[in-house]
Protein backbone atom coordinates (compact mmCIF):
# COMPACT_ATOMS: atom_id res chain seq x y z
CA MET A 1 88.12 92.00 84.24
CA SER A 2 87.63 89.69 87.22
CA ASN A 3 83.92 89.68 88.13
CA ASP A 4 84.63 87.73 91.32
CA ARG A 5 87.21 90.26 92.47
CA LEU A 6 84.92 93.16 91.58
CA SER A 7 82.01 91.63 93.50
CA SER A 8 84.22 91.00 96.51
CA LEU A 9 85.50 94.60 96.56
CA LEU A 10 82.02 96.06 96.15
CA GLU A 11 80.77 93.92 99.06
CA GLU A 12 83.71 95.11 101.15
CA TYR A 13 82.91 98.71 100.21
CA ALA A 14 79.28 98.28 101.31
CA ASP A 15 80.39 96.71 104.60
CA LEU A 16 82.84 99.55 105.29
CA GLU A 17 80.13 102.08 104.53
CA LYS A 18 77.91 100.47 107.17
CA GLN A 19 80.77 100.52 109.69
CA MET A 20 81.39 104.22 109.09
CA GLU A 21 77.69 104.95 109.68
CA ASP A 22 77.79 103.18 113.06
CA PRO A 23 78.36 105.79 115.82
CA SER A 24 80.06 103.21 118.05
CA ILE A 25 83.08 103.05 115.73
CA HIS A 26 84.25 106.46 116.93
CA ALA A 27 85.17 104.99 120.30
CA ASP A 28 88.21 103.43 118.60
CA GLN A 29 90.13 106.07 116.65
CA ALA A 30 92.65 103.55 115.31
CA LEU A 31 89.75 101.55 113.84
CA VAL A 32 88.26 104.75 112.39
CA ARG A 33 91.53 105.47 110.59
CA ARG A 34 91.84 101.94 109.20
CA VAL A 35 88.24 101.80 108.01
CA GLY A 36 88.41 105.33 106.60
CA ARG A 37 91.58 104.63 104.64
CA ARG A 38 90.25 101.40 103.16
CA PHE A 39 86.92 103.04 102.31
CA ALA A 40 88.74 105.87 100.51
CA GLU A 41 90.84 103.29 98.67
CA LEU A 42 87.76 101.44 97.37
CA ALA A 43 85.68 104.56 96.61
CA PRO A 44 87.19 105.10 93.11
CA ILE A 45 86.42 101.46 92.19
CA TYR A 46 82.82 101.87 93.38
CA ALA A 47 82.47 105.11 91.38
CA ALA A 48 84.03 103.62 88.22
CA ASN A 49 81.73 100.60 88.41
CA ALA A 50 78.68 102.84 88.92
CA GLU A 51 79.69 104.88 85.87
CA LEU A 52 80.09 101.72 83.79
CA GLU A 53 76.73 100.31 84.95
CA ALA A 54 75.03 103.62 84.09
CA ALA A 55 76.56 103.53 80.60
CA ARG A 56 75.36 99.95 80.12
CA GLY A 57 71.88 101.04 81.19
CA ASP A 58 71.98 103.91 78.69
CA LEU A 59 73.01 101.48 75.97
CA ALA A 60 70.13 99.13 76.74
CA ALA A 61 67.69 102.06 76.65
CA ALA A 62 69.13 103.31 73.35
CA ARG A 63 68.78 99.86 71.80
CA GLU A 64 65.13 99.68 72.83
CA LEU A 65 64.49 103.05 71.21
CA ALA A 66 66.38 102.04 68.08
CA ALA A 67 64.27 98.89 67.78
CA GLU A 68 61.20 101.12 67.53
CA ASP A 69 62.76 103.94 65.51
CA SER A 70 65.88 103.53 63.33
CA ALA A 71 66.68 107.21 63.83
CA PHE A 72 68.15 106.23 67.22
CA ALA A 73 70.76 103.90 65.67
CA GLY A 74 73.42 106.60 65.84
CA GLU A 75 72.83 107.04 69.56
CA VAL A 76 73.38 103.32 70.10
CA GLU A 77 76.79 103.56 68.43
CA ALA A 78 77.73 106.66 70.41
CA VAL A 79 76.83 105.11 73.77
CA ALA A 80 78.46 101.78 72.87
CA ALA A 81 81.72 103.60 72.09
CA THR A 82 81.94 104.80 75.71
CA LEU A 83 81.92 101.32 77.19
CA ALA A 84 85.42 100.12 76.22
CA PRO A 85 87.28 103.06 77.90
CA LEU A 86 85.17 102.64 81.05
CA GLU A 87 85.81 98.90 81.14
CA GLU A 88 89.54 99.47 80.67
CA LYS A 89 89.59 102.08 83.46
CA LEU A 90 87.82 99.75 85.88
CA GLY A 91 89.98 96.80 84.81
CA GLU A 92 93.16 98.70 85.69
CA MET A 93 91.72 99.60 89.09
CA LEU A 94 91.13 95.91 89.79
CA ILE A 95 94.79 95.03 89.35
CA PRO A 96 96.04 94.15 92.87
CA ARG A 97 97.76 97.22 94.30
CA ASP A 98 100.33 97.64 97.00
CA PRO A 99 98.44 97.06 100.27
CA ASN A 100 100.53 99.73 101.99
CA ASP A 101 99.63 102.56 99.58
CA ALA A 102 97.32 104.31 102.04
CA LYS A 103 99.86 104.28 104.88
CA ASP A 104 102.01 107.01 106.35
CA VAL A 105 105.76 106.34 106.34
CA ILE A 106 108.93 106.52 108.37
CA VAL A 107 111.91 107.75 106.35
CA GLU A 108 115.42 107.00 107.58
CA ILE A 109 118.36 108.82 105.97
CA LYS A 110 121.95 107.82 106.77
CA ALA A 111 125.19 109.39 105.62
CA GLY A 112 127.38 106.89 103.76
CA GLU A 113 130.71 107.02 102.00
CA GLY A 114 132.16 110.49 101.68
CA GLY A 115 132.52 111.75 105.27
CA GLN A 116 131.25 115.28 105.88
CA GLU A 117 130.15 115.66 102.27
CA SER A 118 127.91 112.62 102.62
CA ALA A 119 126.35 114.08 105.79
CA LEU A 120 125.70 117.37 103.97
CA PHE A 121 124.07 115.47 101.12
CA ALA A 122 121.93 113.54 103.60
CA GLY A 123 120.78 116.93 104.87
CA ASP A 124 119.95 117.96 101.30
CA LEU A 125 117.81 114.84 100.88
CA LEU A 126 116.01 115.58 104.14
CA ARG A 127 115.17 119.11 102.94
CA MET A 128 114.05 117.73 99.57
CA TYR A 129 111.58 115.33 101.20
CA THR A 130 110.44 117.97 103.69
CA ARG A 131 109.68 120.47 100.92
CA TYR A 132 107.94 117.79 98.87
CA ALA A 133 105.80 116.94 101.88
CA GLU A 134 104.93 120.61 102.36
CA ARG A 135 103.78 120.82 98.72
CA HIS A 136 101.35 117.96 99.35
CA GLY A 137 100.12 119.24 102.70
CA TRP A 138 101.75 116.41 104.63
CA VAL A 139 103.19 116.65 108.14
CA VAL A 140 106.85 115.86 108.84
CA GLU A 141 107.79 114.82 112.38
CA VAL A 142 111.40 114.26 113.45
CA ILE A 143 111.61 111.06 115.49
CA ASP A 144 115.38 110.88 116.00
CA SER A 145 118.38 112.69 114.53
CA GLN A 146 122.17 112.91 114.77
CA GLU A 147 123.66 116.01 113.18
CA SER A 148 127.15 116.42 111.76
CA ASP A 149 129.64 119.19 112.50
CA LEU A 150 129.00 121.24 109.32
CA GLY A 151 125.21 121.27 109.50
CA GLY A 152 124.51 117.98 107.76
CA VAL A 153 122.98 114.85 109.27
CA LYS A 154 124.66 111.56 110.09
CA ASP A 155 121.43 109.69 110.74
CA ILE A 156 117.83 110.89 110.92
CA SER A 157 114.41 109.28 111.15
CA VAL A 158 111.26 111.25 110.33
CA ALA A 159 107.59 110.34 110.10
CA VAL A 160 105.71 111.73 107.09
CA LYS A 161 101.94 111.73 107.53
CA THR A 162 98.84 112.82 105.66
CA LYS A 163 96.27 115.05 107.29
CA GLY A 164 93.12 113.00 107.59
CA VAL A 165 92.20 110.20 105.17
CA PRO A 166 94.28 110.09 101.96
CA GLN A 167 92.19 110.65 98.85
CA GLY A 168 91.57 107.47 96.87
CA GLY A 169 93.76 105.54 99.29
CA HIS A 170 96.87 107.21 97.89
CA GLY A 171 98.83 107.93 101.05
CA VAL A 172 102.46 108.92 101.57
CA TRP A 173 103.73 105.38 100.91
CA SER A 174 102.16 105.38 97.43
CA ARG A 175 104.57 108.21 96.50
CA LEU A 176 107.68 107.85 98.64
CA LYS A 177 108.03 104.04 98.47
CA TRP A 178 110.27 104.51 95.41
CA GLU A 179 112.89 106.42 97.42
CA GLY A 180 114.52 103.54 99.29
CA GLY A 181 118.10 102.75 98.27
CA VAL A 182 121.44 104.45 97.71
CA HIS A 183 121.36 108.04 96.48
CA ARG A 184 124.65 109.19 94.92
CA VAL A 185 125.80 112.80 94.56
CA GLN A 186 128.50 114.23 92.28
CA ARG A 187 129.64 117.77 93.08
CA VAL A 188 132.47 119.95 94.34
CA PRO A 189 132.35 119.78 98.17
CA ILE A 190 132.55 123.00 100.15
CA THR A 191 135.62 121.52 101.84
CA GLU A 192 137.41 120.99 98.48
CA SER A 193 140.01 123.69 97.74
CA GLN A 194 141.07 122.33 94.33
CA GLY A 195 137.61 122.47 92.76
CA ARG A 196 137.53 118.73 92.12
CA ILE A 197 134.24 116.85 91.76
CA HIS A 198 133.71 114.24 94.44
CA THR A 199 131.25 111.37 94.58
CA SER A 200 129.56 110.41 97.83
CA ALA A 201 126.35 108.70 98.83
CA ALA A 202 123.59 108.52 101.40
CA GLY A 203 121.23 105.65 102.18
CA VAL A 204 117.46 106.09 102.37
CA LEU A 205 115.07 103.59 103.94
CA VAL A 206 111.30 104.11 103.61
CA LEU A 207 109.01 102.03 105.82
CA PRO A 208 105.21 101.98 105.93
CA GLU A 209 104.36 103.04 109.46
CA ALA A 210 102.91 100.14 111.43
CA GLU A 211 100.00 100.47 113.81
CA ASP A 212 100.00 98.72 117.17
CA VAL A 213 97.46 96.12 116.05
CA GLU A 214 99.58 95.13 113.03
CA VAL A 215 102.70 94.17 114.96
CA GLN A 216 102.58 92.54 118.38
CA ILE A 217 105.88 92.84 120.28
CA GLU A 218 106.43 90.65 123.32
CA PRO A 219 108.32 92.47 126.12
CA ASN A 220 110.44 89.36 126.73
CA ASP A 221 111.69 89.59 123.14
CA LEU A 222 113.33 92.96 123.79
CA ARG A 223 116.69 93.94 125.26
CA ILE A 224 116.68 97.61 126.24
CA ASP A 225 119.93 99.47 126.90
CA VAL A 226 120.28 103.12 127.93
CA PHE A 227 123.18 105.51 127.33
CA ARG A 228 123.97 109.21 127.16
CA SER A 229 123.00 111.18 124.07
CA SER A 230 125.80 112.50 121.87
CA GLY A 231 125.89 115.42 119.47
CA PRO A 232 128.11 116.39 116.51
CA GLY A 233 131.63 115.09 116.98
CA GLY A 234 130.46 112.59 119.59
CA GLN A 235 130.39 114.99 122.54
CA SER A 236 127.87 114.27 125.28
CA VAL A 237 124.83 116.54 125.19
CA ASN A 238 123.00 115.05 128.14
CA THR A 239 124.10 114.33 131.70
CA THR A 240 121.58 111.49 132.14
CA ASP A 241 121.19 108.14 130.41
CA SER A 242 118.17 109.23 128.33
CA ALA A 243 119.14 107.63 125.01
CA VAL A 244 117.65 104.20 124.35
CA ARG A 245 118.79 101.24 122.28
CA ILE A 246 116.27 98.43 121.73
CA THR A 247 117.28 95.04 120.35
CA HIS A 248 114.55 92.71 119.09
CA LEU A 249 116.11 89.38 120.02
CA PRO A 250 114.21 87.05 117.62
CA THR A 251 115.25 89.06 114.54
CA GLY A 252 118.36 90.88 115.73
CA THR A 253 116.82 94.22 114.70
CA VAL A 254 118.40 97.15 116.59
CA VAL A 255 116.91 100.65 116.92
CA SER A 256 118.44 103.57 118.82
CA CYS A 257 116.79 106.91 119.70
CA GLN A 258 118.28 109.86 121.54
CA ASN A 259 116.42 112.90 120.24
CA GLU A 260 114.17 113.40 123.25
CA LYS A 261 115.31 114.44 126.73
CA SER A 262 113.13 111.78 128.33
CA GLN A 263 114.16 108.13 128.36
CA LEU A 264 110.47 107.16 128.13
CA GLN A 265 109.94 109.32 125.04
CA ASN A 266 113.02 107.87 123.37
CA LYS A 267 111.78 104.37 124.15
CA GLU A 268 108.40 105.11 122.54
CA SER A 269 110.12 106.56 119.45
CA ALA A 270 112.37 103.51 119.17
CA LEU A 271 109.39 101.14 119.49
CA ARG A 272 107.60 103.10 116.77
CA ILE A 273 110.48 102.56 114.35
CA LEU A 274 110.90 98.95 115.47
CA ARG A 275 107.25 98.14 114.73
CA SER A 276 107.60 99.51 111.20
CA ARG A 277 110.81 97.57 110.58
CA LEU A 278 109.24 94.34 111.82
CA LEU A 279 106.17 94.92 109.64
CA ALA A 280 108.41 95.40 106.58
CA LEU A 281 110.39 92.28 107.51
CA ALA A 282 107.22 90.20 107.86
CA GLN A 283 105.92 91.44 104.52
CA GLU A 284 109.27 90.69 102.87
CA GLU A 285 109.19 87.13 104.20
CA ALA A 286 105.60 86.71 102.99
CA ASN A 287 106.65 87.89 99.53
CA ALA A 288 109.58 85.51 99.43
CA ALA A 289 107.15 82.64 99.96
CA ALA A 290 104.72 83.94 97.33
CA SER A 291 104.83 83.36 93.60
CA ASP A 292 106.94 85.66 91.40
CA SER A 293 103.83 87.34 90.06
CA ARG A 294 103.02 88.74 93.51
CA LYS A 295 106.43 89.84 94.75
CA ALA A 296 105.95 93.56 94.12
CA GLN A 297 102.88 93.84 96.29
CA VAL A 298 105.21 94.80 99.11
CA ARG A 299 108.54 96.51 98.52
CA THR A 300 111.49 96.43 100.87
CA VAL A 301 114.63 98.44 100.61
CA ASP A 302 118.11 97.22 99.83
CA ARG A 303 120.61 99.95 100.67
CA SER A 304 123.20 98.34 98.39
CA GLU A 305 121.02 99.26 95.42
CA ARG A 306 122.15 102.53 93.80
CA ILE A 307 118.91 104.00 92.58
CA ARG A 308 119.67 107.61 91.67
CA THR A 309 122.48 110.03 90.87
CA TYR A 310 122.41 113.79 91.52
CA ASN A 311 124.98 115.51 89.28
CA PHE A 312 125.43 119.15 90.30
CA PRO A 313 127.79 120.34 87.49
CA GLN A 314 125.22 119.28 84.88
CA ASN A 315 122.15 120.07 87.01
CA ARG A 316 121.13 116.50 86.18
CA ILE A 317 119.15 113.83 88.03
CA THR A 318 119.19 110.22 86.80
CA ASP A 319 117.07 107.37 88.13
CA HIS A 320 118.91 104.19 87.17
CA ARG A 321 115.96 101.82 87.60
CA ILE A 322 113.97 103.19 84.67
CA GLY A 323 116.59 105.25 82.80
CA TYR A 324 114.90 108.53 83.75
CA THR A 325 117.03 111.66 83.24
CA ALA A 326 116.11 115.31 83.71
CA TYR A 327 118.14 118.51 83.91
CA ASN A 328 116.26 120.18 86.74
CA LEU A 329 118.23 119.04 89.77
CA ASP A 330 117.85 122.40 91.47
CA LEU A 331 114.06 122.13 91.28
CA VAL A 332 114.05 118.50 92.43
CA LEU A 333 116.10 119.34 95.51
CA GLY A 334 113.62 122.15 96.11
CA GLY A 335 110.87 119.57 96.47
CA GLU A 336 109.62 119.17 92.89
CA LEU A 337 109.85 115.38 92.89
CA ASP A 338 106.64 114.60 91.03
CA GLY A 339 108.36 114.25 87.65
CA VAL A 340 110.56 111.33 88.64
CA LEU A 341 107.94 109.80 90.96
CA ASP A 342 105.30 109.93 88.21
CA ALA A 343 107.72 108.17 85.85
CA LEU A 344 108.43 105.46 88.42
CA GLY A 345 104.72 105.03 89.11
CA GLU A 346 103.92 104.68 85.41
CA ALA A 347 106.73 102.14 84.93
CA ASP A 348 105.35 100.13 87.84
CA ARG A 349 101.80 100.35 86.43
CA GLN A 350 102.95 99.07 83.05
CA ALA A 351 104.90 96.27 84.73
CA ARG A 352 101.85 95.21 86.72
CA LEU A 353 99.71 95.21 83.57
CA ALA A 354 102.33 93.03 81.88
CA GLY A 355 102.58 90.73 84.89
CA ASP A 356 106.19 91.76 85.63
CA THR A 357 106.07 92.87 89.26
CA GLU A 358 109.75 93.46 89.89
CA ILE A 359 110.09 96.99 88.48
CA SER A 360 111.15 98.35 91.85
CA ARG A 361 114.19 96.08 92.00
CA ARG A 362 115.61 96.68 88.56
CA PRO A 363 119.17 98.09 88.71
């Protein structure tokens, strides 16, 4: 256990506690959210350390009593036996965690290979994440969407947010960060008359949502184009140029939004996604410059990575990164994702303990 790291975190906790007690902080709601999230993230460490210190105090008291009366020797052994589990618990908490764990996220789902079937599958993934969010009391907000002809989605961006401060600093990112990559489906499409099983795919990108203070965007770095919104099949659904396409010139990042009727609203939605993409890009570049032992502190998504297969004939879900397989696909698509997410989280925890921080990128 790193005493220096523990001392530093406890000092930070005490400083955050003072900030939260200062009435003036409430004049800046963005600051309140940041301080509140970090305070909630450090609270379990503070509590675990307090529990360990109390146990050490009990042990010292028991030893004093045993020195005067040997009848207390058994109590010394009993109290001493509690220390190792408490030290291990606190030690695991001190392992550097993903700095984005307390954040809300933006989830982008895009239909891939497979035409209409891929768009229908993208719609299934959207419903899966929406139902999972509902189970956890999270809020899902559609930022931009393009539907397909048969009720699927070609491309959709949604924000998934916690209500209030996430407990223990475990926000939406801490759960959904595993979902980025290529999701493959194997089933008989509704458009298939011969009953043959087809394989198609959809891409998922999960970004920690960036706050204004985290990413500064210079207006001169942006090219903003406007165009008319289009619906399924490409037909125009708006008689004005309300859709917005923003290009961030230094990085070449392009974001389009057309969901709102107002050009201004679409611009704000596009900037919201752009900020999150630029934050992820900056974190990826920082990781590339860091040592191998720190690379997993921020994950980015590679859509070429096939992470999971959904096999309908066998009611099977397989996560290829950790070899996880379960035969409850119907429940998973209904929002019961905790089984596979818990397995991914445990694999990542074990990798961090072992010093192997690349669990999220294993094929």
